[in-house]
N, C-alpha and C. Protein backbone atom coordinates (compact mmCIF):
# COMPACT_ATOMS: atom_id res chain seq x y z
N MET A 1 -24.66 32.28 -19.78
CA MET A 1 -23.56 33.19 -19.88
C MET A 1 -23.28 33.77 -18.50
N LEU A 2 -22.02 33.94 -18.19
CA LEU A 2 -21.62 34.47 -16.90
C LEU A 2 -21.60 35.99 -16.94
N ASN A 3 -22.11 36.60 -15.92
CA ASN A 3 -22.11 38.06 -15.82
C ASN A 3 -21.16 38.47 -14.71
N PHE A 4 -20.10 39.16 -15.08
CA PHE A 4 -19.13 39.66 -14.12
C PHE A 4 -19.27 41.16 -14.01
N LEU A 5 -18.96 41.68 -12.85
CA LEU A 5 -18.94 43.13 -12.67
C LEU A 5 -17.65 43.66 -13.27
N ILE A 6 -17.77 44.54 -14.24
CA ILE A 6 -16.61 45.12 -14.91
C ILE A 6 -16.53 46.58 -14.50
N PRO A 7 -15.36 47.02 -14.04
CA PRO A 7 -15.23 48.43 -13.65
C PRO A 7 -15.53 49.36 -14.82
N SER A 8 -16.06 50.52 -14.52
CA SER A 8 -16.43 51.46 -15.59
C SER A 8 -15.21 52.04 -16.30
N SER A 9 -14.02 51.90 -15.71
CA SER A 9 -12.81 52.43 -16.35
C SER A 9 -12.33 51.54 -17.50
N ILE A 10 -12.87 50.32 -17.62
CA ILE A 10 -12.46 49.40 -18.68
C ILE A 10 -13.49 49.47 -19.81
N PRO A 11 -13.05 49.90 -21.01
CA PRO A 11 -14.00 49.96 -22.13
C PRO A 11 -14.30 48.56 -22.67
N VAL A 12 -15.57 48.24 -22.79
CA VAL A 12 -15.99 46.93 -23.29
C VAL A 12 -16.92 47.15 -24.48
N PRO A 13 -16.59 46.59 -25.66
CA PRO A 13 -17.47 46.76 -26.82
C PRO A 13 -18.79 46.00 -26.63
N ASP A 14 -19.78 46.40 -27.39
CA ASP A 14 -21.08 45.73 -27.28
C ASP A 14 -21.04 44.37 -27.97
N ALA A 15 -22.12 43.62 -27.86
CA ALA A 15 -22.17 42.24 -28.35
C ALA A 15 -22.01 42.16 -29.87
N ASN A 16 -22.59 43.11 -30.60
CA ASN A 16 -22.47 43.09 -32.07
C ASN A 16 -21.03 43.29 -32.52
N THR A 17 -20.31 44.18 -31.85
CA THR A 17 -18.91 44.41 -32.19
C THR A 17 -18.08 43.17 -31.90
N LEU A 18 -18.33 42.53 -30.77
CA LEU A 18 -17.60 41.31 -30.44
C LEU A 18 -17.89 40.19 -31.43
N GLN A 19 -19.12 40.12 -31.91
CA GLN A 19 -19.47 39.11 -32.91
C GLN A 19 -18.76 39.38 -34.23
N LEU A 20 -18.66 40.63 -34.64
CA LEU A 20 -17.93 40.97 -35.87
C LEU A 20 -16.45 40.65 -35.74
N ILE A 21 -15.88 40.91 -34.57
CA ILE A 21 -14.47 40.57 -34.34
C ILE A 21 -14.27 39.06 -34.43
N SER A 22 -15.20 38.29 -33.87
CA SER A 22 -15.10 36.83 -33.93
C SER A 22 -15.22 36.31 -35.36
N ILE A 23 -16.11 36.90 -36.14
CA ILE A 23 -16.27 36.48 -37.54
C ILE A 23 -15.00 36.80 -38.33
N ALA A 24 -14.44 37.99 -38.12
CA ALA A 24 -13.20 38.36 -38.82
C ALA A 24 -12.05 37.44 -38.41
N SER A 25 -11.95 37.12 -37.12
CA SER A 25 -10.89 36.23 -36.65
C SER A 25 -11.07 34.81 -37.19
N LEU A 26 -12.30 34.37 -37.33
CA LEU A 26 -12.58 33.06 -37.92
C LEU A 26 -12.11 33.02 -39.37
N ILE A 27 -12.39 34.07 -40.13
CA ILE A 27 -11.97 34.13 -41.53
C ILE A 27 -10.45 34.17 -41.62
N VAL A 28 -9.80 34.95 -40.77
CA VAL A 28 -8.33 35.01 -40.76
C VAL A 28 -7.75 33.64 -40.41
N GLY A 29 -8.34 32.95 -39.45
CA GLY A 29 -7.86 31.62 -39.08
C GLY A 29 -7.97 30.63 -40.23
N ILE A 30 -9.08 30.67 -40.95
CA ILE A 30 -9.25 29.78 -42.11
C ILE A 30 -8.22 30.11 -43.18
N CYS A 31 -7.97 31.39 -43.41
CA CYS A 31 -6.96 31.78 -44.40
C CYS A 31 -5.57 31.32 -43.99
N LEU A 32 -5.26 31.39 -42.70
CA LEU A 32 -3.95 30.92 -42.23
C LEU A 32 -3.81 29.41 -42.41
N VAL A 33 -4.88 28.66 -42.18
CA VAL A 33 -4.83 27.21 -42.39
C VAL A 33 -4.60 26.91 -43.87
N LEU A 34 -5.29 27.63 -44.75
CA LEU A 34 -5.09 27.42 -46.19
C LEU A 34 -3.67 27.80 -46.62
N ALA A 35 -3.15 28.90 -46.08
CA ALA A 35 -1.78 29.30 -46.41
C ALA A 35 -0.79 28.26 -45.89
N GLY A 36 -1.04 27.73 -44.69
CA GLY A 36 -0.17 26.68 -44.16
C GLY A 36 -0.19 25.43 -45.02
N GLY A 37 -1.38 25.06 -45.50
CA GLY A 37 -1.47 23.91 -46.41
C GLY A 37 -0.73 24.14 -47.71
N ALA A 38 -0.80 25.37 -48.22
CA ALA A 38 -0.07 25.70 -49.45
C ALA A 38 1.44 25.60 -49.22
N PHE A 39 1.91 26.10 -48.07
CA PHE A 39 3.34 26.00 -47.78
C PHE A 39 3.77 24.54 -47.59
N LEU A 40 2.90 23.72 -47.00
CA LEU A 40 3.23 22.30 -46.84
C LEU A 40 3.36 21.61 -48.19
N LEU A 41 2.42 21.88 -49.10
CA LEU A 41 2.50 21.28 -50.44
C LEU A 41 3.71 21.80 -51.20
N TRP A 42 3.96 23.10 -51.09
CA TRP A 42 5.09 23.70 -51.79
C TRP A 42 6.40 23.18 -51.22
N GLY A 43 6.46 22.99 -49.90
CA GLY A 43 7.68 22.49 -49.27
C GLY A 43 7.97 21.04 -49.63
N LYS A 44 6.92 20.23 -49.78
CA LYS A 44 7.14 18.83 -50.16
C LYS A 44 7.69 18.73 -51.58
N LYS A 45 7.20 19.61 -52.47
CA LYS A 45 7.69 19.58 -53.85
C LYS A 45 9.12 20.10 -53.94
N ALA A 46 9.46 21.06 -53.07
CA ALA A 46 10.78 21.68 -53.12
C ALA A 46 11.81 20.93 -52.27
N GLY A 47 11.40 19.90 -51.58
CA GLY A 47 12.36 19.12 -50.81
C GLY A 47 12.39 19.42 -49.33
N GLY A 48 11.41 20.10 -48.81
CA GLY A 48 11.34 20.34 -47.36
C GLY A 48 12.01 21.63 -46.95
N GLY A 49 12.51 21.63 -45.74
CA GLY A 49 13.19 22.81 -45.22
C GLY A 49 12.25 23.74 -44.47
N TRP A 50 12.56 25.02 -44.56
CA TRP A 50 11.83 26.03 -43.79
C TRP A 50 10.38 26.17 -44.24
N LYS A 51 10.09 25.80 -45.49
CA LYS A 51 8.72 25.94 -45.99
C LYS A 51 7.76 24.98 -45.28
N VAL A 52 8.24 23.79 -44.97
CA VAL A 52 7.40 22.82 -44.26
C VAL A 52 7.17 23.28 -42.82
N VAL A 53 8.22 23.78 -42.18
CA VAL A 53 8.08 24.28 -40.81
C VAL A 53 7.13 25.46 -40.77
N LEU A 54 7.28 26.38 -41.71
CA LEU A 54 6.38 27.54 -41.77
C LEU A 54 4.94 27.09 -42.04
N GLY A 55 4.78 26.08 -42.87
CA GLY A 55 3.45 25.55 -43.14
C GLY A 55 2.78 25.00 -41.90
N TRP A 56 3.53 24.23 -41.11
CA TRP A 56 2.96 23.68 -39.88
C TRP A 56 2.64 24.77 -38.87
N VAL A 57 3.51 25.78 -38.78
CA VAL A 57 3.26 26.88 -37.84
C VAL A 57 2.01 27.65 -38.24
N LEU A 58 1.90 27.99 -39.52
CA LEU A 58 0.72 28.72 -39.98
C LEU A 58 -0.56 27.90 -39.80
N ALA A 59 -0.49 26.62 -40.11
CA ALA A 59 -1.67 25.77 -39.97
C ALA A 59 -2.09 25.64 -38.51
N ALA A 60 -1.13 25.51 -37.61
CA ALA A 60 -1.45 25.36 -36.18
C ALA A 60 -2.05 26.65 -35.62
N ILE A 61 -1.46 27.79 -35.94
CA ILE A 61 -2.00 29.07 -35.46
C ILE A 61 -3.38 29.31 -36.05
N GLY A 62 -3.54 29.04 -37.33
CA GLY A 62 -4.83 29.25 -37.98
C GLY A 62 -5.91 28.34 -37.43
N ALA A 63 -5.57 27.07 -37.18
CA ALA A 63 -6.56 26.13 -36.63
C ALA A 63 -6.97 26.54 -35.23
N THR A 64 -6.01 26.97 -34.42
CA THR A 64 -6.33 27.42 -33.07
C THR A 64 -7.24 28.64 -33.10
N LEU A 65 -6.90 29.60 -33.94
CA LEU A 65 -7.70 30.83 -34.06
C LEU A 65 -9.10 30.52 -34.58
N ALA A 66 -9.19 29.71 -35.61
CA ALA A 66 -10.49 29.40 -36.21
C ALA A 66 -11.37 28.60 -35.25
N LEU A 67 -10.81 27.59 -34.61
CA LEU A 67 -11.62 26.78 -33.68
C LEU A 67 -12.07 27.59 -32.47
N SER A 68 -11.19 28.43 -31.96
CA SER A 68 -11.54 29.25 -30.80
C SER A 68 -12.72 30.16 -31.11
N HIS A 69 -12.66 30.83 -32.25
CA HIS A 69 -13.73 31.77 -32.58
C HIS A 69 -14.97 31.07 -33.11
N ALA A 70 -14.82 29.88 -33.68
CA ALA A 70 -16.01 29.12 -34.08
C ALA A 70 -16.81 28.71 -32.85
N VAL A 71 -16.12 28.27 -31.81
CA VAL A 71 -16.80 27.92 -30.56
C VAL A 71 -17.44 29.16 -29.95
N GLN A 72 -16.73 30.27 -29.98
CA GLN A 72 -17.27 31.51 -29.42
C GLN A 72 -18.53 31.94 -30.18
N LEU A 73 -18.53 31.78 -31.50
CA LEU A 73 -19.72 32.15 -32.28
C LEU A 73 -20.88 31.20 -32.03
N MET A 74 -20.59 29.93 -31.75
CA MET A 74 -21.67 28.99 -31.46
C MET A 74 -22.34 29.29 -30.13
N LEU A 75 -21.62 29.93 -29.21
CA LEU A 75 -22.17 30.24 -27.90
C LEU A 75 -23.01 31.51 -27.89
N TYR A 76 -23.00 32.29 -28.96
CA TYR A 76 -23.80 33.52 -29.01
C TYR A 76 -25.26 33.21 -29.09
């Protein structure tokens, strides 16, 4: 792990708080992927349109969030 000098004027949470934030973000990312999948299935049944686009957007944001925080949790 890299240790940088952080000025005392910048508040930095401790390691346990950062781990809880990562766990919460991982759960939110998984939920966004599931919601995106639901919109994709719903959009295919309804004939496409904005539901499919929203599904892809939610799935992409959720996958990025979940993968980012999963890697961060593996490095702890």
